[in-house]
Each structure stands twice: as structure tokens, then as C-alpha cells.
C-alpha atoms as a PDB file:
ATOM      1  CA  MET A   1     -15.747  18.968  -2.236  1.00  0.00           C
ATOM      2  CA  SER A   2     -13.656  19.495   0.405  1.00  0.00           C
ATOM      3  CA  SER A   3     -10.955  21.441  -0.744  1.00  0.00           C
ATOM      4  CA  SER A   4      -9.089  20.318   2.220  1.00  0.00           C
ATOM      5  CA  GLN A   5      -9.261  16.659   1.480  1.00  0.00           C
ATOM      6  CA  SER A   6      -6.027  16.113  -0.534  1.00  0.00           C
ATOM      7  CA  ILE A   7      -5.691  13.010  -3.160  1.00  0.00           C
ATOM      8  CA  LEU A   8      -2.385  11.021  -2.818  1.00  0.00           C
ATOM      9  CA  LEU A   9      -0.889   9.599  -5.545  1.00  0.00           C
ATOM     10  CA  VAL A  10       1.442   6.878  -5.779  1.00  0.00           C
ATOM     11  CA  GLU A  11       3.027   6.596  -9.144  1.00  0.00           C
ATOM     12  CA  ASP A  12       6.476   6.496 -10.649  1.00  0.00           C
ATOM     13  CA  ASN A  13       6.055   7.413 -14.395  1.00  0.00           C
ATOM     14  CA  PRO A  14       5.879  10.586 -15.016  1.00  0.00           C
ATOM     15  CA  ASP A  15       3.615  10.859 -18.051  1.00  0.00           C
ATOM     16  CA  ASP A  16       0.865   8.730 -15.934  1.00  0.00           C
ATOM     17  CA  VAL A  17       1.368  11.356 -13.172  1.00  0.00           C
ATOM     18  CA  ASP A  18       0.801  14.082 -15.640  1.00  0.00           C
ATOM     19  CA  LEU A  19      -1.966  12.445 -17.165  1.00  0.00           C
ATOM     20  CA  THR A  20      -3.694  12.135 -13.669  1.00  0.00           C
ATOM     21  CA  GLN A  21      -3.080  15.614 -12.773  1.00  0.00           C
ATOM     22  CA  ARG A  22      -4.696  16.672 -16.379  1.00  0.00           C
ATOM     23  CA  ALA A  23      -7.551  14.278 -15.977  1.00  0.00           C
ATOM     24  CA  PHE A  24      -8.436  15.234 -12.371  1.00  0.00           C
ATOM     25  CA  GLN A  25      -8.281  19.289 -13.386  1.00  0.00           C
ATOM     26  CA  ARG A  26     -10.078  18.653 -16.328  1.00  0.00           C
ATOM     27  CA  ALA A  27     -12.971  16.414 -14.207  1.00  0.00           C
ATOM     28  CA  GLY A  28     -13.266  19.872 -12.230  1.00  0.00           C
ATOM     29  CA  PHE A  29     -11.654  18.554  -9.256  1.00  0.00           C
ATOM     30  CA  THR A  30      -9.619  21.081  -6.674  1.00  0.00           C
ATOM     31  CA  GLN A  31      -8.227  19.189  -3.931  1.00  0.00           C
ATOM     32  CA  PRO A  32      -4.333  19.087  -3.747  1.00  0.00           C
ATOM     33  CA  LEU A  33      -2.815  15.975  -5.589  1.00  0.00           C
ATOM     34  CA  ASP A  34       0.192  14.848  -3.758  1.00  0.00           C
ATOM     35  CA  VAL A  35       2.524  12.643  -5.714  1.00  0.00           C
ATOM     36  CA  VAL A  36       5.141  10.203  -4.256  1.00  0.00           C
ATOM     37  CA  GLU A  37       7.396   8.204  -6.929  1.00  0.00           C
ATOM     38  CA  ASP A  38       7.932   4.634  -4.957  1.00  0.00           C
ATOM     39  CA  GLY A  39       5.960   2.724  -2.235  1.00  0.00           C
ATOM     40  CA  VAL A  40       8.587   3.946   0.610  1.00  0.00           C
ATOM     41  CA  GLU A  41       7.698   7.387  -0.064  1.00  0.00           C
ATOM     42  CA  ALA A  42       3.913   6.544  -0.168  1.00  0.00           C
ATOM     43  CA  LEU A  43       4.777   5.052   3.604  1.00  0.00           C
ATOM     44  CA  ASP A  44       6.851   7.919   4.917  1.00  0.00           C
ATOM     45  CA  TYR A  45       4.057  10.243   3.382  1.00  0.00           C
ATOM     46  CA  LEU A  46       1.150   8.321   5.408  1.00  0.00           C
ATOM     47  CA  PHE A  47       3.402   7.996   8.271  1.00  0.00           C
ATOM     48  CA  ALA A  48       5.144  11.167   8.617  1.00  0.00           C
ATOM     49  CA  ARG A  49       8.320   9.997   8.237  1.00  0.00           C
ATOM     50  CA  GLY A  50      11.563  10.705   6.715  1.00  0.00           C
ATOM     51  CA  ALA A  51      11.145  13.403   4.396  1.00  0.00           C
ATOM     52  CA  HIS A  52       7.670  13.708   5.125  1.00  0.00           C
ATOM     53  CA  ALA A  53       8.132  14.118   8.974  1.00  0.00           C
ATOM     54  CA  HIS A  54       6.597  17.603   8.640  1.00  0.00           C
ATOM     55  CA  ARG A  55       3.413  16.107   8.151  1.00  0.00           C
ATOM     56  CA  ALA A  56       3.095  14.984  11.943  1.00  0.00           C
ATOM     57  CA  GLY A  57      -0.288  15.971  12.871  1.00  0.00           C
ATOM     58  CA  GLU A  58      -1.668  16.573   9.452  1.00  0.00           C
ATOM     59  CA  PRO A  59      -5.013  14.828   8.350  1.00  0.00           C
ATOM     60  CA  LEU A  60      -4.602  11.772   5.874  1.00  0.00           C
ATOM     61  CA  PRO A  61      -5.517  12.202   2.556  1.00  0.00           C
ATOM     62  CA  GLY A  62      -8.999  11.453   1.350  1.00  0.00           C
ATOM     63  CA  LEU A  63      -8.309   8.702  -1.185  1.00  0.00           C
ATOM     64  CA  VAL A  64      -4.984   6.949  -2.076  1.00  0.00           C
ATOM     65  CA  LEU A  65      -4.473   6.281  -5.756  1.00  0.00           C
ATOM     66  CA  LEU A  66      -1.759   3.686  -5.487  1.00  0.00           C
ATOM     67  CA  ASP A  67       0.048   2.152  -9.027  1.00  0.00           C
ATOM     68  CA  LEU A  68       1.206  -1.784  -8.184  1.00  0.00           C
ATOM     69  CA  LYS A  69       4.647  -1.867 -10.230  1.00  0.00           C
ATOM     70  CA  LEU A  70       6.636   0.634  -8.180  1.00  0.00           C
ATOM     71  CA  PRO A  71      10.403   1.013  -7.371  1.00  0.00           C
ATOM     72  CA  ARG A  72      11.671   0.129  -3.812  1.00  0.00           C
ATOM     73  CA  LEU A  73       8.649  -1.344  -2.541  1.00  0.00           C
ATOM     74  CA  ASP A  74       5.365  -2.847  -4.684  1.00  0.00           C
ATOM     75  CA  GLY A  75       1.752  -1.621  -4.399  1.00  0.00           C
ATOM     76  CA  HIS A  76       0.759  -4.875  -2.672  1.00  0.00           C
ATOM     77  CA  SER A  77       3.513  -4.154   0.173  1.00  0.00           C
ATOM     78  CA  VAL A  78       2.389  -0.476   0.635  1.00  0.00           C
ATOM     79  CA  LEU A  79      -1.355  -1.962   0.699  1.00  0.00           C
ATOM     80  CA  ARG A  80      -0.429  -4.269   3.527  1.00  0.00           C
ATOM     81  CA  GLN A  81       1.102  -2.041   5.554  1.00  0.00           C
ATOM     82  CA  ILE A  82      -1.385   0.577   5.204  1.00  0.00           C
ATOM     83  CA  ARG A  83      -4.021  -1.849   6.266  1.00  0.00           C
ATOM     84  CA  ALA A  84      -1.662  -2.977   9.093  1.00  0.00           C
ATOM     85  CA  ASN A  85      -1.672   0.554  10.717  1.00  0.00           C
ATOM     86  CA  PRO A  86      -4.850   1.642  12.759  1.00  0.00           C
ATOM     87  CA  ARG A  87      -4.415   5.207  11.660  1.00  0.00           C
ATOM     88  CA  THR A  88      -4.860   4.224   7.675  1.00  0.00           C
ATOM     89  CA  ARG A  89      -6.666   0.806   8.181  1.00  0.00           C
ATOM     90  CA  PHE A  90      -9.735   2.326   6.524  1.00  0.00           C
ATOM     91  CA  LEU A  91      -8.166   4.836   4.098  1.00  0.00           C
ATOM     92  CA  PRO A  92      -9.768   4.618   0.994  1.00  0.00           C
ATOM     93  CA  VAL A  93      -6.909   2.930  -1.630  1.00  0.00           C
ATOM     94  CA  VAL A  94      -7.987   2.323  -5.028  1.00  0.00           C
ATOM     95  CA  ILE A  95      -5.432   0.657  -7.159  1.00  0.00           C
ATOM     96  CA  LEU A  96      -4.843   2.359 -10.288  1.00  0.00           C
ATOM     97  CA  THR A  97      -2.689   0.407 -12.642  1.00  0.00           C
ATOM     98  CA  SER A  98      -2.069  -1.028 -16.156  1.00  0.00           C
ATOM     99  CA  SER A  99      -1.840  -4.227 -14.901  1.00  0.00           C
ATOM    100  CA  ASP A 100      -5.020  -6.834 -16.330  1.00  0.00           C
ATOM    101  CA  GLU A 101      -3.215  -9.994 -14.720  1.00  0.00           C
ATOM    102  CA  GLU A 102      -5.869 -11.892 -12.755  1.00  0.00           C
ATOM    103  CA  LYS A 103      -3.233 -12.489  -9.745  1.00  0.00           C
ATOM    104  CA  ASP A 104      -2.691  -8.772  -9.087  1.00  0.00           C
ATOM    105  CA  LEU A 105      -6.680  -8.296  -9.156  1.00  0.00           C
ATOM    106  CA  VAL A 106      -7.198 -11.225  -6.533  1.00  0.00           C
ATOM    107  CA  GLU A 107      -3.966 -10.088  -4.368  1.00  0.00           C
ATOM    108  CA  SER A 108      -5.158  -6.419  -4.188  1.00  0.00           C
ATOM    109  CA  TYR A 109      -8.435  -7.653  -2.986  1.00  0.00           C
ATOM    110  CA  SER A 110      -7.231  -9.815  -0.657  1.00  0.00           C
ATOM    111  CA  HIS A 111      -4.842  -7.307   1.133  1.00  0.00           C
ATOM    112  CA  GLY A 112      -7.812  -4.968   1.091  1.00  0.00           C
ATOM    113  CA  CYS A 113      -8.010  -2.487  -1.280  1.00  0.00           C
ATOM    114  CA  ASN A 114     -11.303  -0.670  -1.802  1.00  0.00           C
ATOM    115  CA  SER A 115     -11.171  -0.553  -5.620  1.00  0.00           C
ATOM    116  CA  TYR A 116      -8.935  -1.716  -8.720  1.00  0.00           C
ATOM    117  CA  VAL A 117      -9.244   0.461 -11.816  1.00  0.00           C
ATOM    118  CA  ARG A 118      -7.305  -0.632 -14.796  1.00  0.00           C
ATOM    119  CA  LYS A 119      -5.877   2.492 -16.533  1.00  0.00           C
ATOM    120  CA  PRO A 120      -7.865   3.662 -19.776  1.00  0.00           C
ATOM    121  CA  VAL A 121      -5.599   3.341 -22.379  1.00  0.00           C
ATOM    122  CA  SER A 122      -7.416   6.858 -24.341  1.00  0.00           C
ATOM    123  CA  TYR A 123      -7.547  10.050 -22.715  1.00  0.00           C
ATOM    124  CA  THR A 124     -11.409  10.643 -22.849  1.00  0.00           C
ATOM    125  CA  GLU A 125     -11.692   7.572 -20.723  1.00  0.00           C
ATOM    126  CA  PHE A 126      -9.138   8.020 -18.529  1.00  0.00           C
ATOM    127  CA  VAL A 127     -10.882  11.903 -17.834  1.00  0.00           C
ATOM    128  CA  GLU A 128     -14.114  10.081 -17.185  1.00  0.00           C
ATOM    129  CA  ALA A 129     -12.666   7.315 -14.933  1.00  0.00           C
ATOM    130  CA  ALA A 130     -11.149   9.839 -13.040  1.00  0.00           C
ATOM    131  CA  ARG A 131     -14.119  11.942 -12.415  1.00  0.00           C
ATOM    132  CA  GLN A 132     -15.770   8.871 -11.363  1.00  0.00           C
ATOM    133  CA  LEU A 133     -13.110   7.880  -8.974  1.00  0.00           C
ATOM    134  CA  GLY A 134     -13.358  11.475  -7.232  1.00  0.00           C
ATOM    135  CA  VAL A 135     -17.259  11.577  -7.330  1.00  0.00           C
ATOM    136  CA  TYR A 136     -17.466   8.329  -5.722  1.00  0.00           C
ATOM    137  CA  TRP A 137     -14.994   8.279  -2.860  1.00  0.00           C
ATOM    138  CA  LEU A 138     -14.685  12.038  -2.216  1.00  0.00           C
ATOM    139  CA  VAL A 139     -18.228  13.027  -2.600  1.00  0.00           C
ATOM    140  CA  LEU A 140     -20.439  10.054  -1.967  1.00  0.00           C
ATOM    141  CA  ASN A 141     -18.784   7.770  -0.060  1.00  0.00           C
ATOM    142  CA  ARG A 142     -18.423   8.210   3.710  1.00  0.00           C
ATOM    143  CA  SER A 143     -15.513   7.344   5.749  1.00  0.00           C
ATOM    144  CA  PRO A 144     -14.714   6.048   9.526  1.00  0.00           C
ATOM    145  CA  LEU A 145     -11.890   8.251   9.406  1.00  0.00           C
ATOM    146  CA  PRO A 146     -12.109  11.750  10.965  1.00  0.00           C
ATOM    147  CA  GLY A 147     -11.750  14.212   8.691  1.00  0.00           C
ATOM    148  CA  VAL A 148     -12.275  11.565   5.545  1.00  0.00           C
ATOM    149  CA  SER A 149     -15.802  11.517   3.947  1.00  0.00           C
ATOM    150  CA  GLY A 150     -17.586  13.020   1.086  1.00  0.00           C
END
């Protein structure tokens, strides 16, 4: 995998952030894992605004892992704004959530998520899920965005 492709993790739970970081490391991924804690910050990161204005001209991440239950702006709203912008319209977005609610699943796909993954409960299952996500989205998948492909 290209080491220049970062992964954006949008997650407000520090335990889940730590678990995701450890799972990706254990799965052997060396891409930078950039973490933002809420929906507003996720959009600022992607659109190089506010505290993330320094990112102007930087490539988009190769993958966005998006939780749904976030402070300030929920994951569904973030996803809608990602899909509404021509620059980020085709950015791979995987919903990574603990929600098992059918309405969240349907709404996520209705707004254009690429995949919906329920966070596995066990660490071993989580590591395997992270490995499979990384292999598929960062190695095998081809993206129409410049600089974002496996």
C-alpha cells in the first residue's frame, strides 16, 4: 500500500480510537491514521478549513472511517456534505459504528456510504475487520479520485 495514503478516522470515543489504531498496526498498515473527534472537525479536515486550513492543497485521505454518533454534527450529516461536494463526492467512506439499527443502515446507504460495518465486539474480530477494510479499500479498490487508489 502507498504510505502516502492516509486514513481519516472520525471517532469521538478515545477507547475506540485506541482500539482502531492498535488494530491497524497489528494488521500491518503503515498509513498515517488521522483522527478527528466530531463531525465539524471532519469537514474542516476534508475541506481544509478552520484549524485544518493548513491542509489546503494536500491530498484527500484514501479512506474515511466514519462513526455515526458524533458531537456537534452526526455522521449522517457529514456523509451528506461529503457527497454534495464535487471534490469529495467519490471519496471512499465506510461507516464504522456500534449501531445495529436498521434505520442507520438504510440512511447511511441512502446518503452514499460505500460500506457499513458494525464494530466487532472482540479485539480479535476487530483486528480482522480492520485488516479486511484496509486491504479492500486501500489495496484492491480503484478510486476515480486522483491519488486515491489501491
